Amino acid sequence: MIRPTKVKPLDDYKIWVEFEDGAGGEIDLSELVVKGVFRKWSDREFFEDVKIGPDRAIIWGDGEEIDMCADWAYMEVTGKTLDEIRHQFSHA
């Protein structure tokens, strides 16, 4: 669907994500830090190593460690549902 174009770490386990259609915003990931693989984010240097992977996922480390679906991130930033973004891009 839509590709993220920028991602940067913020304080308090938040990230800023911008997408190719101009949408952008902050995503709060703080509730995940204590869960499973996301505990790796407690190493601040690791958390700050966020980037966009070749398959448009938002990744940490080499992408094998933690990756986040770009579509989920887009829904978080825009407040749209999956059906809404499917409809949006099927008519683009």
Protein backbone atom coordinates (compact mmCIF):
# COMPACT_ATOMS: atom_id res chain seq x y z
CA MET A 1 0.00 0.00 0.00
CA ILE A 2 1.63 3.25 1.09
CA ARG A 3 5.32 3.63 1.74
CA PRO A 4 6.86 5.46 4.69
CA THR A 5 9.45 8.00 3.58
CA LYS A 6 10.88 9.14 6.93
CA VAL A 7 11.06 7.71 10.41
CA LYS A 8 12.85 9.09 13.45
CA PRO A 9 12.95 8.19 17.13
CA LEU A 10 11.49 10.56 19.71
CA ASP A 11 11.58 10.63 23.51
CA ASP A 12 9.48 8.30 25.64
CA TYR A 13 9.47 5.43 23.10
CA LYS A 14 7.69 7.33 20.38
CA ILE A 15 8.54 7.55 16.70
CA TRP A 16 7.67 10.09 14.02
CA VAL A 17 6.69 8.60 10.66
CA GLU A 18 5.97 10.36 7.36
CA PHE A 19 4.42 8.69 4.32
CA GLU A 20 4.61 9.27 0.58
CA ASP A 21 1.14 10.86 0.51
CA GLY A 22 2.25 13.55 2.99
CA ALA A 23 0.57 12.04 6.06
CA GLY A 24 2.78 12.08 9.11
CA GLY A 25 2.58 11.81 12.83
CA GLU A 26 3.76 10.43 16.10
CA ILE A 27 3.23 6.85 17.24
CA ASP A 28 3.52 6.01 20.92
CA LEU A 29 5.17 2.60 21.38
CA SER A 30 5.77 2.90 25.12
CA GLU A 31 3.25 0.22 26.07
CA LEU A 32 5.18 -2.35 24.02
CA VAL A 33 8.60 -1.83 25.66
CA VAL A 34 7.95 -4.38 28.40
CA LYS A 35 6.58 -7.06 26.04
CA GLY A 36 8.53 -9.87 24.38
CA VAL A 37 10.97 -8.87 21.68
CA PHE A 38 10.20 -5.16 22.27
CA ARG A 39 12.23 -5.31 25.50
CA LYS A 40 15.22 -4.70 23.23
CA TRP A 41 14.02 -1.09 23.01
CA SER A 42 15.04 -0.57 26.64
CA ASP A 43 18.52 -0.16 25.12
CA ARG A 44 18.03 3.42 23.93
CA GLU A 45 20.72 3.09 21.27
CA PHE A 46 18.86 0.14 19.75
CA PHE A 47 15.54 2.04 19.82
CA GLU A 48 17.15 5.01 18.06
CA ASP A 49 18.33 2.71 15.25
CA VAL A 50 14.90 2.83 13.61
CA LYS A 51 14.79 2.95 9.82
CA ILE A 52 12.73 1.97 6.80
CA GLY A 53 13.52 -1.47 5.44
CA PRO A 54 13.59 -2.48 1.77
CA ASP A 55 10.12 -4.05 2.02
CA ARG A 56 8.69 -0.75 3.41
CA ALA A 57 8.48 -2.06 6.97
CA ILE A 58 9.74 0.11 9.82
CA ILE A 59 12.64 -1.84 11.31
CA TRP A 60 15.11 -1.87 14.17
CA GLY A 61 18.49 -3.54 13.92
CA ASP A 62 18.76 -5.64 10.79
CA GLY A 63 14.99 -6.03 10.47
CA GLU A 64 15.13 -9.61 11.63
CA GLU A 65 14.93 -8.46 15.24
CA ILE A 66 11.95 -6.08 15.19
CA ASP A 67 9.84 -4.91 12.28
CA MET A 68 6.59 -3.01 12.16
CA CYS A 69 4.04 -3.13 9.37
CA ALA A 70 3.90 0.15 7.45
CA ASP A 71 0.15 -0.24 6.94
CA TRP A 72 -0.40 -0.49 10.70
CA ALA A 73 1.76 2.60 11.23
CA TYR A 74 -0.24 4.47 8.56
CA MET A 75 -3.50 3.57 10.30
CA GLU A 76 -2.06 4.75 13.63
CA VAL A 77 -0.96 8.10 12.15
CA THR A 78 -4.11 8.80 10.13
CA GLY A 79 -6.77 7.13 12.27
CA LYS A 80 -8.08 5.36 9.17
CA THR A 81 -9.24 1.75 9.12
CA LEU A 82 -7.80 -0.92 6.85
CA ASP A 83 -10.96 -0.81 4.71
CA GLU A 84 -10.61 2.96 4.33
CA ILE A 85 -7.00 2.79 3.16
CA ARG A 86 -7.73 -0.12 0.81
CA HIS A 87 -10.52 1.95 -0.74
CA GLN A 88 -8.30 5.05 -0.87
CA PHE A 89 -5.55 3.28 -2.79
CA SER A 90 -7.78 1.21 -5.03
CA HIS A 91 -9.12 4.50 -6.44
CA ALA A 92 -5.82 6.32 -6.66
